[in-house]
């Protein structure tokens, strides 16, 4: 690691360990397969944190340190999201075109698949200095195969300022 890279990561919004794991170690281990494997890691991560709504999806993205997610456009077969914020800007600035957001795309694809019950794929469709756009497409004709699997149990997210009493009353 160069001094410049160390200085960038030690002063980053993500911190040294998170930045090193995501943008240094994983690409070093995965090599040319980084994008493909990160996509499937994102899908698997979503299985650990299934959420029930678009609002919860925005919240879990922020809580996982992925950035600020915003639904830009929605139709029966497409969802367009914008991922931005200081973490995203910083990752793009440090790594330019080599910054991978396939983990986030895989996460989105799986989360939507849970709720839509149709096969869903996602990809980064646009990359700018301050944000990336992720296009998720689903096929209403191709239902997910849930035979033999348990029903998805969506998690309840903790939000800043939410008391335990308020959470318990909402059940």
N, C-alpha and C. Protein backbone atom coordinates (compact mmCIF):
# COMPACT_ATOMS: atom_id res chain seq x y z
N UNK A 1 0.85 -1.17 0.00
CA UNK A 1 0.00 0.00 0.00
C UNK A 1 0.90 1.23 0.00
N UNK A 2 0.53 2.17 -0.81
CA UNK A 2 1.31 3.40 -0.89
C UNK A 2 0.92 4.36 0.23
N UNK A 3 1.79 5.32 0.48
CA UNK A 3 1.50 6.33 1.50
C UNK A 3 0.25 7.10 1.13
N UNK A 4 0.09 7.42 -0.15
CA UNK A 4 -1.08 8.17 -0.60
C UNK A 4 -2.37 7.38 -0.31
N UNK A 5 -2.37 6.09 -0.62
CA UNK A 5 -3.55 5.25 -0.38
C UNK A 5 -3.85 5.15 1.11
N UNK A 6 -2.80 4.95 1.91
CA UNK A 6 -2.97 4.88 3.35
C UNK A 6 -3.58 6.19 3.87
N UNK A 7 -3.03 7.32 3.45
CA UNK A 7 -3.54 8.62 3.89
C UNK A 7 -5.00 8.80 3.51
N UNK A 8 -5.37 8.37 2.30
CA UNK A 8 -6.77 8.48 1.87
C UNK A 8 -7.68 7.64 2.75
N UNK A 9 -7.27 6.41 3.02
CA UNK A 9 -8.14 5.51 3.78
C UNK A 9 -8.19 5.84 5.27
N UNK A 10 -7.09 6.27 5.86
CA UNK A 10 -7.09 6.59 7.29
C UNK A 10 -7.97 7.81 7.57
N UNK A 11 -8.10 8.68 6.58
CA UNK A 11 -8.91 9.88 6.73
C UNK A 11 -10.30 9.74 6.10
N UNK A 12 -10.64 8.56 5.66
CA UNK A 12 -11.90 8.39 4.94
C UNK A 12 -13.09 8.31 5.88
N UNK A 13 -14.26 8.52 5.32
CA UNK A 13 -15.51 8.44 6.08
C UNK A 13 -15.78 7.00 6.53
N UNK A 14 -15.23 6.02 5.79
CA UNK A 14 -15.45 4.61 6.11
C UNK A 14 -14.49 4.11 7.16
N UNK A 15 -13.34 4.74 7.29
CA UNK A 15 -12.32 4.27 8.21
C UNK A 15 -11.35 3.34 7.50
N UNK A 16 -10.23 3.12 8.12
CA UNK A 16 -9.15 2.33 7.52
C UNK A 16 -9.56 0.88 7.27
N UNK A 17 -10.16 0.24 8.27
CA UNK A 17 -10.45 -1.19 8.12
C UNK A 17 -11.52 -1.44 7.05
N UNK A 18 -12.61 -0.68 7.07
CA UNK A 18 -13.67 -0.89 6.08
C UNK A 18 -13.17 -0.59 4.67
N UNK A 19 -12.43 0.50 4.51
CA UNK A 19 -11.90 0.85 3.20
C UNK A 19 -10.90 -0.17 2.69
N UNK A 20 -10.06 -0.66 3.59
CA UNK A 20 -9.06 -1.65 3.20
C UNK A 20 -9.74 -2.97 2.81
N UNK A 21 -10.70 -3.41 3.60
CA UNK A 21 -11.40 -4.66 3.30
C UNK A 21 -12.08 -4.58 1.93
N UNK A 22 -12.86 -3.53 1.74
CA UNK A 22 -13.71 -3.45 0.54
C UNK A 22 -12.92 -3.14 -0.73
N UNK A 23 -12.00 -2.20 -0.65
CA UNK A 23 -11.36 -1.70 -1.87
C UNK A 23 -9.91 -2.12 -2.07
N UNK A 24 -9.35 -2.83 -1.09
CA UNK A 24 -7.97 -3.30 -1.24
C UNK A 24 -7.93 -4.83 -1.16
N UNK A 25 -8.35 -5.40 -0.03
CA UNK A 25 -8.23 -6.84 0.17
C UNK A 25 -9.13 -7.68 -0.75
N UNK A 26 -10.41 -7.35 -0.82
CA UNK A 26 -11.29 -8.15 -1.67
C UNK A 26 -10.84 -8.16 -3.13
N UNK A 27 -10.53 -7.02 -3.73
CA UNK A 27 -10.03 -7.07 -5.11
C UNK A 27 -8.71 -7.84 -5.24
N UNK A 28 -7.85 -7.76 -4.23
CA UNK A 28 -6.59 -8.51 -4.29
C UNK A 28 -6.84 -10.01 -4.27
N UNK A 29 -7.80 -10.44 -3.46
CA UNK A 29 -8.11 -11.87 -3.36
C UNK A 29 -8.89 -12.35 -4.59
N UNK A 30 -9.86 -11.57 -5.02
CA UNK A 30 -10.77 -12.01 -6.08
C UNK A 30 -10.26 -11.76 -7.49
N UNK A 31 -9.31 -10.85 -7.64
CA UNK A 31 -8.71 -10.58 -8.94
C UNK A 31 -9.72 -10.19 -10.00
N UNK A 32 -9.62 -10.82 -11.17
CA UNK A 32 -10.49 -10.49 -12.30
C UNK A 32 -11.95 -10.84 -12.06
N UNK A 33 -12.21 -11.65 -11.06
CA UNK A 33 -13.58 -12.09 -10.77
C UNK A 33 -14.27 -11.18 -9.74
N UNK A 34 -13.62 -10.10 -9.36
CA UNK A 34 -14.12 -9.23 -8.29
C UNK A 34 -15.57 -8.81 -8.52
N UNK A 35 -15.88 -8.22 -9.66
CA UNK A 35 -17.23 -7.71 -9.88
C UNK A 35 -18.29 -8.81 -9.80
N UNK A 36 -18.05 -9.93 -10.43
CA UNK A 36 -19.02 -11.02 -10.41
C UNK A 36 -19.24 -11.58 -9.02
N UNK A 37 -18.16 -11.79 -8.30
CA UNK A 37 -18.28 -12.36 -6.96
C UNK A 37 -18.91 -11.35 -6.00
N UNK A 38 -18.54 -10.07 -6.12
CA UNK A 38 -19.15 -9.07 -5.24
C UNK A 38 -20.66 -8.97 -5.47
N UNK A 39 -21.11 -9.17 -6.71
CA UNK A 39 -22.55 -9.16 -6.99
C UNK A 39 -23.24 -10.25 -6.17
N UNK A 40 -22.67 -11.46 -6.19
CA UNK A 40 -23.28 -12.57 -5.46
C UNK A 40 -23.12 -12.42 -3.95
N UNK A 41 -22.05 -11.79 -3.51
CA UNK A 41 -21.90 -11.48 -2.09
C UNK A 41 -22.98 -10.49 -1.67
N UNK A 42 -23.27 -9.51 -2.53
CA UNK A 42 -24.34 -8.55 -2.25
C UNK A 42 -25.69 -9.24 -2.11
N UNK A 43 -25.97 -10.20 -3.00
CA UNK A 43 -27.22 -10.94 -2.91
C UNK A 43 -27.28 -11.74 -1.60
N UNK A 44 -26.17 -12.37 -1.25
CA UNK A 44 -26.13 -13.14 0.00
C UNK A 44 -26.28 -12.22 1.21
N UNK A 45 -25.66 -11.07 1.18
CA UNK A 45 -25.79 -10.11 2.28
C UNK A 45 -27.25 -9.68 2.45
N UNK A 46 -27.95 -9.48 1.34
CA UNK A 46 -29.37 -9.10 1.41
C UNK A 46 -30.19 -10.20 2.07
N UNK A 47 -29.79 -11.45 1.91
CA UNK A 47 -30.50 -12.55 2.56
C UNK A 47 -30.36 -12.48 4.08
N UNK A 48 -29.30 -11.84 4.56
CA UNK A 48 -29.09 -11.67 5.99
C UNK A 48 -29.89 -10.50 6.55
N UNK A 49 -30.23 -9.54 5.69
CA UNK A 49 -30.93 -8.32 6.11
C UNK A 49 -32.14 -8.04 5.21
N UNK A 50 -33.10 -8.96 5.11
CA UNK A 50 -34.25 -8.70 4.24
C UNK A 50 -35.13 -7.60 4.84
N UNK A 51 -35.48 -6.62 4.03
CA UNK A 51 -36.31 -5.51 4.49
C UNK A 51 -37.60 -5.44 3.67
N UNK A 52 -38.64 -4.89 4.29
CA UNK A 52 -39.99 -4.97 3.73
C UNK A 52 -40.41 -3.80 2.85
N UNK A 53 -39.67 -2.70 2.84
CA UNK A 53 -40.13 -1.53 2.10
C UNK A 53 -38.96 -0.76 1.49
N UNK A 54 -39.31 0.14 0.57
CA UNK A 54 -38.29 1.01 -0.02
C UNK A 54 -37.67 1.90 1.05
N UNK A 55 -38.47 2.35 2.00
CA UNK A 55 -37.95 3.18 3.11
C UNK A 55 -36.92 2.40 3.92
N UNK A 56 -37.22 1.14 4.21
CA UNK A 56 -36.28 0.30 4.95
C UNK A 56 -35.02 0.03 4.12
N UNK A 57 -35.17 -0.09 2.82
CA UNK A 57 -34.03 -0.31 1.94
C UNK A 57 -33.06 0.88 2.00
N UNK A 58 -33.61 2.08 1.99
CA UNK A 58 -32.80 3.29 2.11
C UNK A 58 -32.06 3.29 3.45
N UNK A 59 -32.79 2.93 4.51
CA UNK A 59 -32.21 2.91 5.86
C UNK A 59 -31.09 1.88 5.97
N UNK A 60 -31.32 0.65 5.49
CA UNK A 60 -30.30 -0.40 5.63
C UNK A 60 -29.05 -0.07 4.81
N UNK A 61 -29.22 0.56 3.66
CA UNK A 61 -28.06 0.99 2.88
C UNK A 61 -27.19 1.93 3.69
N UNK A 62 -27.81 2.90 4.33
CA UNK A 62 -27.07 3.86 5.16
C UNK A 62 -26.43 3.16 6.35
N UNK A 63 -27.18 2.27 7.01
CA UNK A 63 -26.66 1.58 8.18
C UNK A 63 -25.48 0.67 7.85
N UNK A 64 -25.48 0.09 6.65
CA UNK A 64 -24.37 -0.76 6.22
C UNK A 64 -23.20 0.04 5.66
N UNK A 65 -23.33 1.34 5.61
CA UNK A 65 -22.24 2.18 5.11
C UNK A 65 -22.06 2.13 3.61
N UNK A 66 -23.13 1.83 2.88
CA UNK A 66 -23.05 1.75 1.43
C UNK A 66 -23.29 3.09 0.75
N UNK A 67 -23.92 4.02 1.45
CA UNK A 67 -24.20 5.31 0.87
C UNK A 67 -25.66 5.69 1.03
N UNK A 68 -26.02 6.79 0.39
CA UNK A 68 -27.38 7.32 0.45
C UNK A 68 -28.14 6.85 -0.79
N UNK A 69 -29.15 6.04 -0.59
CA UNK A 69 -29.91 5.45 -1.67
C UNK A 69 -31.21 6.23 -1.88
N UNK A 70 -31.54 6.43 -3.15
CA UNK A 70 -32.78 7.13 -3.48
C UNK A 70 -33.41 6.44 -4.68
N UNK A 71 -34.69 6.14 -4.58
CA UNK A 71 -35.43 5.58 -5.71
C UNK A 71 -35.78 6.74 -6.64
N UNK A 72 -35.28 6.66 -7.88
CA UNK A 72 -35.48 7.75 -8.84
C UNK A 72 -36.71 7.50 -9.71
N UNK A 73 -36.88 6.25 -10.13
CA UNK A 73 -37.98 5.92 -11.04
C UNK A 73 -38.37 4.47 -10.82
N UNK A 74 -39.68 4.21 -10.96
CA UNK A 74 -40.18 2.86 -10.71
C UNK A 74 -41.28 2.53 -11.69
N UNK A 75 -41.22 1.33 -12.25
CA UNK A 75 -42.30 0.82 -13.09
C UNK A 75 -42.54 -0.64 -12.70
N UNK A 76 -43.40 -1.32 -13.44
CA UNK A 76 -43.68 -2.72 -13.13
C UNK A 76 -42.45 -3.61 -13.32
N UNK A 77 -41.54 -3.21 -14.22
CA UNK A 77 -40.39 -4.07 -14.54
C UNK A 77 -39.03 -3.44 -14.24
N UNK A 78 -39.01 -2.17 -13.86
CA UNK A 78 -37.73 -1.51 -13.61
C UNK A 78 -37.79 -0.62 -12.37
N UNK A 79 -36.66 -0.58 -11.69
CA UNK A 79 -36.43 0.37 -10.59
C UNK A 79 -35.08 1.02 -10.88
N UNK A 80 -35.05 2.33 -10.83
CA UNK A 80 -33.79 3.05 -11.00
C UNK A 80 -33.48 3.75 -9.68
N UNK A 81 -32.30 3.42 -9.16
CA UNK A 81 -31.85 3.99 -7.90
C UNK A 81 -30.63 4.86 -8.13
N UNK A 82 -30.48 5.87 -7.31
CA UNK A 82 -29.26 6.68 -7.29
C UNK A 82 -28.60 6.45 -5.95
N UNK A 83 -27.32 6.11 -6.00
CA UNK A 83 -26.52 5.91 -4.79
C UNK A 83 -25.51 7.04 -4.72
N UNK A 84 -25.55 7.80 -3.64
CA UNK A 84 -24.69 8.98 -3.53
C UNK A 84 -24.23 9.15 -2.09
N UNK A 85 -23.75 10.33 -1.79
CA UNK A 85 -23.31 10.64 -0.44
C UNK A 85 -21.80 10.65 -0.31
N UNK A 86 -21.32 11.09 0.84
CA UNK A 86 -19.88 11.23 1.06
C UNK A 86 -19.09 9.94 0.83
N UNK A 87 -19.64 8.80 1.25
CA UNK A 87 -18.92 7.53 1.09
C UNK A 87 -18.75 7.18 -0.38
N UNK A 88 -19.81 7.35 -1.16
CA UNK A 88 -19.77 7.04 -2.59
C UNK A 88 -18.82 8.00 -3.30
N UNK A 89 -18.95 9.28 -3.03
CA UNK A 89 -18.07 10.27 -3.65
C UNK A 89 -16.60 9.98 -3.34
N UNK A 90 -16.34 9.64 -2.11
CA UNK A 90 -14.98 9.34 -1.68
C UNK A 90 -14.43 8.11 -2.40
N UNK A 91 -15.23 7.04 -2.49
CA UNK A 91 -14.78 5.82 -3.18
C UNK A 91 -14.49 6.11 -4.65
N UNK A 92 -15.35 6.87 -5.29
CA UNK A 92 -15.14 7.20 -6.71
C UNK A 92 -13.89 8.06 -6.87
N UNK A 93 -13.71 9.03 -5.98
CA UNK A 93 -12.54 9.92 -6.07
C UNK A 93 -11.23 9.16 -5.89
N UNK A 94 -11.21 8.19 -4.98
CA UNK A 94 -10.00 7.44 -4.70
C UNK A 94 -9.67 6.47 -5.83
N UNK A 95 -10.68 5.77 -6.33
CA UNK A 95 -10.42 4.71 -7.30
C UNK A 95 -10.88 5.01 -8.72
N UNK A 96 -11.49 6.14 -8.94
CA UNK A 96 -11.97 6.53 -10.27
C UNK A 96 -12.83 5.44 -10.90
N UNK A 97 -12.50 5.01 -12.12
CA UNK A 97 -13.32 4.04 -12.85
C UNK A 97 -13.20 2.62 -12.31
N UNK A 98 -12.27 2.37 -11.42
CA UNK A 98 -12.07 1.01 -10.89
C UNK A 98 -12.95 0.71 -9.67
N UNK A 99 -13.72 1.69 -9.23
CA UNK A 99 -14.58 1.49 -8.08
C UNK A 99 -15.74 0.58 -8.45
N UNK A 100 -15.88 -0.50 -7.72
CA UNK A 100 -16.94 -1.46 -8.00
C UNK A 100 -18.15 -1.19 -7.10
N UNK A 101 -19.31 -1.16 -7.71
CA UNK A 101 -20.55 -1.04 -6.97
C UNK A 101 -21.45 -2.25 -7.25
N UNK A 102 -20.83 -3.37 -7.64
CA UNK A 102 -21.62 -4.56 -7.93
C UNK A 102 -22.16 -5.20 -6.65
N UNK A 103 -21.50 -5.04 -5.52
CA UNK A 103 -22.03 -5.54 -4.26
C UNK A 103 -23.37 -4.87 -3.98
N UNK A 104 -23.42 -3.56 -4.16
CA UNK A 104 -24.65 -2.81 -3.94
C UNK A 104 -25.73 -3.21 -4.94
N UNK A 105 -25.34 -3.44 -6.19
CA UNK A 105 -26.30 -3.87 -7.22
C UNK A 105 -26.89 -5.24 -6.86
N UNK A 106 -26.04 -6.16 -6.43
CA UNK A 106 -26.53 -7.48 -6.04
C UNK A 106 -27.45 -7.40 -4.83
N UNK A 107 -27.10 -6.55 -3.89
CA UNK A 107 -27.93 -6.35 -2.70
C UNK A 107 -29.31 -5.86 -3.10
N UNK A 108 -29.35 -4.85 -3.96
CA UNK A 108 -30.63 -4.30 -4.44
C UNK A 108 -31.44 -5.36 -5.18
N UNK A 109 -30.79 -6.10 -6.06
CA UNK A 109 -31.50 -7.13 -6.83
C UNK A 109 -32.19 -8.12 -5.91
N UNK A 110 -31.47 -8.60 -4.90
CA UNK A 110 -32.05 -9.59 -4.00
C UNK A 110 -33.17 -9.01 -3.14
N UNK A 111 -32.99 -7.80 -2.65
CA UNK A 111 -34.03 -7.17 -1.84
C UNK A 111 -35.32 -7.00 -2.65
N UNK A 112 -35.19 -6.58 -3.89
CA UNK A 112 -36.38 -6.43 -4.73
C UNK A 112 -36.99 -7.78 -5.06
N UNK A 113 -36.15 -8.76 -5.27
CA UNK A 113 -36.64 -10.11 -5.57
C UNK A 113 -37.49 -10.64 -4.41
N UNK A 114 -37.10 -10.38 -3.19
CA UNK A 114 -37.88 -10.80 -2.03
C UNK A 114 -39.30 -10.23 -2.10
N UNK A 115 -39.39 -8.94 -2.38
CA UNK A 115 -40.68 -8.27 -2.33
C UNK A 115 -41.52 -8.50 -3.59
N UNK A 116 -40.88 -8.57 -4.74
CA UNK A 116 -41.61 -8.72 -6.00
C UNK A 116 -41.93 -10.18 -6.32
N UNK A 117 -41.16 -11.08 -5.72
CA UNK A 117 -41.30 -12.52 -5.97
C UNK A 117 -41.07 -12.88 -7.44
N UNK A 118 -40.27 -12.06 -8.13
CA UNK A 118 -39.87 -12.35 -9.51
C UNK A 118 -38.35 -12.23 -9.60
N UNK A 119 -37.77 -12.96 -10.53
CA UNK A 119 -36.32 -12.90 -10.73
C UNK A 119 -35.94 -11.45 -11.08
N UNK A 120 -34.94 -10.93 -10.38
CA UNK A 120 -34.52 -9.53 -10.55
C UNK A 120 -33.01 -9.47 -10.69
N UNK A 121 -32.55 -8.70 -11.65
CA UNK A 121 -31.13 -8.45 -11.88
C UNK A 121 -30.88 -6.95 -11.78
N UNK A 122 -29.68 -6.56 -11.38
CA UNK A 122 -29.35 -5.14 -11.27
C UNK A 122 -27.93 -4.90 -11.75
N UNK A 123 -27.70 -3.70 -12.26
CA UNK A 123 -26.37 -3.31 -12.72
C UNK A 123 -26.20 -1.81 -12.61
N UNK A 124 -24.96 -1.39 -12.51
CA UNK A 124 -24.65 0.03 -12.51
C UNK A 124 -24.86 0.52 -13.94
N UNK A 125 -25.78 1.45 -14.11
CA UNK A 125 -26.11 1.93 -15.45
C UNK A 125 -25.47 3.28 -15.76
N UNK A 126 -25.05 3.99 -14.74
CA UNK A 126 -24.42 5.29 -14.94
C UNK A 126 -23.48 5.56 -13.78
N UNK A 127 -22.35 6.17 -14.08
CA UNK A 127 -21.37 6.51 -13.05
C UNK A 127 -20.96 7.96 -13.25
N UNK A 128 -21.10 8.74 -12.20
CA UNK A 128 -20.69 10.15 -12.21
C UNK A 128 -19.72 10.37 -11.06
N UNK A 129 -19.24 11.58 -10.95
CA UNK A 129 -18.30 11.89 -9.86
C UNK A 129 -18.96 11.83 -8.49
N UNK A 130 -20.25 12.17 -8.42
CA UNK A 130 -20.92 12.27 -7.13
C UNK A 130 -21.93 11.16 -6.87
N UNK A 131 -22.20 10.32 -7.85
CA UNK A 131 -23.18 9.25 -7.65
C UNK A 131 -23.03 8.16 -8.69
N UNK A 132 -23.67 7.04 -8.40
CA UNK A 132 -23.85 5.99 -9.40
C UNK A 132 -25.34 5.72 -9.48
N UNK A 133 -25.75 5.32 -10.66
CA UNK A 133 -27.15 4.95 -10.87
C UNK A 133 -27.20 3.44 -11.07
N UNK A 134 -28.14 2.80 -10.42
CA UNK A 134 -28.28 1.35 -10.51
C UNK A 134 -29.66 1.03 -11.06
N UNK A 135 -29.67 0.27 -12.14
CA UNK A 135 -30.90 -0.15 -12.80
C UNK A 135 -31.20 -1.58 -12.39
N UNK A 136 -32.36 -1.79 -11.80
CA UNK A 136 -32.82 -3.13 -11.43
C UNK A 136 -33.99 -3.49 -12.33
N UNK A 137 -33.91 -4.65 -12.95
CA UNK A 137 -34.97 -5.09 -13.85
C UNK A 137 -35.50 -6.44 -13.39
N UNK A 138 -36.81 -6.56 -13.41
CA UNK A 138 -37.41 -7.83 -13.04
C UNK A 138 -38.32 -8.30 -14.18
N UNK A 139 -38.55 -9.59 -14.20
CA UNK A 139 -39.40 -10.20 -15.21
C UNK A 139 -40.63 -10.77 -14.50
N UNK A 140 -41.78 -10.09 -14.60
CA UNK A 140 -42.98 -10.57 -13.90
C UNK A 140 -43.40 -11.98 -14.33
N UNK A 141 -42.93 -12.43 -15.48
CA UNK A 141 -43.26 -13.76 -15.97
C UNK A 141 -42.39 -14.85 -15.34
N UNK A 142 -41.26 -14.44 -14.74
CA UNK A 142 -40.33 -15.41 -14.18
C UNK A 142 -40.33 -15.31 -12.66
N UNK A 143 -41.18 -16.12 -12.04
CA UNK A 143 -41.31 -16.10 -10.58
C UNK A 143 -40.09 -16.74 -9.93
N UNK A 144 -39.78 -16.28 -8.72
CA UNK A 144 -38.66 -16.88 -7.99
C UNK A 144 -39.06 -18.27 -7.53
N UNK A 145 -38.08 -19.11 -7.37
CA UNK A 145 -38.31 -20.49 -6.94
C UNK A 145 -38.21 -20.53 -5.42
N UNK A 146 -39.34 -20.50 -4.76
CA UNK A 146 -39.35 -20.52 -3.30
C UNK A 146 -39.74 -21.87 -2.74
N UNK A 147 -39.89 -22.89 -3.60
CA UNK A 147 -40.26 -24.21 -3.10
C UNK A 147 -39.18 -24.74 -2.17
N UNK A 148 -39.60 -25.26 -1.05
CA UNK A 148 -38.66 -25.84 -0.11
C UNK A 148 -37.93 -24.82 0.75
N UNK A 149 -38.10 -23.56 0.45
CA UNK A 149 -37.42 -22.55 1.27
C UNK A 149 -38.42 -21.93 2.24
N UNK A 150 -37.91 -21.39 3.31
CA UNK A 150 -38.77 -20.76 4.30
C UNK A 150 -39.28 -19.43 3.78
N UNK A 151 -40.40 -18.99 4.32
CA UNK A 151 -40.90 -17.66 4.01
C UNK A 151 -39.88 -16.63 4.49
N UNK A 152 -39.76 -15.59 3.73
CA UNK A 152 -38.85 -14.51 4.13
C UNK A 152 -39.42 -13.81 5.35
N UNK A 153 -38.60 -13.64 6.36
CA UNK A 153 -38.99 -12.89 7.54
C UNK A 153 -38.23 -11.58 7.50
N UNK A 154 -38.94 -10.53 7.18
CA UNK A 154 -38.32 -9.21 7.10
C UNK A 154 -37.91 -8.75 8.49
N UNK A 155 -36.78 -8.08 8.55
CA UNK A 155 -36.29 -7.60 9.84
C UNK A 155 -36.88 -6.23 10.14
N UNK A 156 -36.94 -5.90 11.41
CA UNK A 156 -37.36 -4.57 11.85
C UNK A 156 -36.09 -3.76 12.09
N UNK A 157 -35.99 -2.63 11.42
CA UNK A 157 -34.79 -1.81 11.54
C UNK A 157 -34.89 -0.83 12.70
N UNK A 158 -33.78 -0.59 13.34
CA UNK A 158 -33.67 0.43 14.37
C UNK A 158 -33.32 1.73 13.67
N UNK A 159 -34.03 2.76 14.02
CA UNK A 159 -33.77 4.07 13.43
C UNK A 159 -33.35 5.03 14.54
N UNK A 160 -32.47 5.98 14.22
CA UNK A 160 -32.06 6.95 15.25
C UNK A 160 -33.28 7.64 15.85
N UNK A 161 -33.28 7.76 17.16
CA UNK A 161 -34.36 8.44 17.85
C UNK A 161 -35.57 7.55 18.13
N UNK A 162 -35.55 6.31 17.66
CA UNK A 162 -36.67 5.40 17.90
C UNK A 162 -36.45 4.69 19.23
N UNK A 163 -37.42 4.79 20.10
CA UNK A 163 -37.29 4.12 21.39
C UNK A 163 -37.77 2.67 21.28
N UNK A 164 -37.33 1.86 22.20
CA UNK A 164 -37.74 0.45 22.23
C UNK A 164 -39.25 0.36 22.41
N UNK A 165 -39.84 1.27 23.20
CA UNK A 165 -41.29 1.25 23.44
C UNK A 165 -42.06 1.46 22.15
N UNK A 166 -41.60 2.40 21.29
CA UNK A 166 -42.27 2.65 20.02
C UNK A 166 -42.19 1.44 19.12
N UNK A 167 -41.04 0.77 19.13
CA UNK A 167 -40.85 -0.42 18.30
C UNK A 167 -41.80 -1.52 18.75
N UNK A 168 -41.90 -1.73 20.06
CA UNK A 168 -42.76 -2.79 20.58
C UNK A 168 -44.23 -2.52 20.28
N UNK A 169 -44.67 -1.27 20.29
CA UNK A 169 -46.07 -0.92 20.00
C UNK A 169 -46.42 -1.17 18.54
N UNK A 170 -45.42 -1.14 17.65
CA UNK A 170 -45.71 -1.31 16.23
C UNK A 170 -45.88 -2.76 15.83
N UNK A 171 -45.67 -3.68 16.76
CA UNK A 171 -45.79 -5.12 16.43
C UNK A 171 -47.23 -5.56 16.47
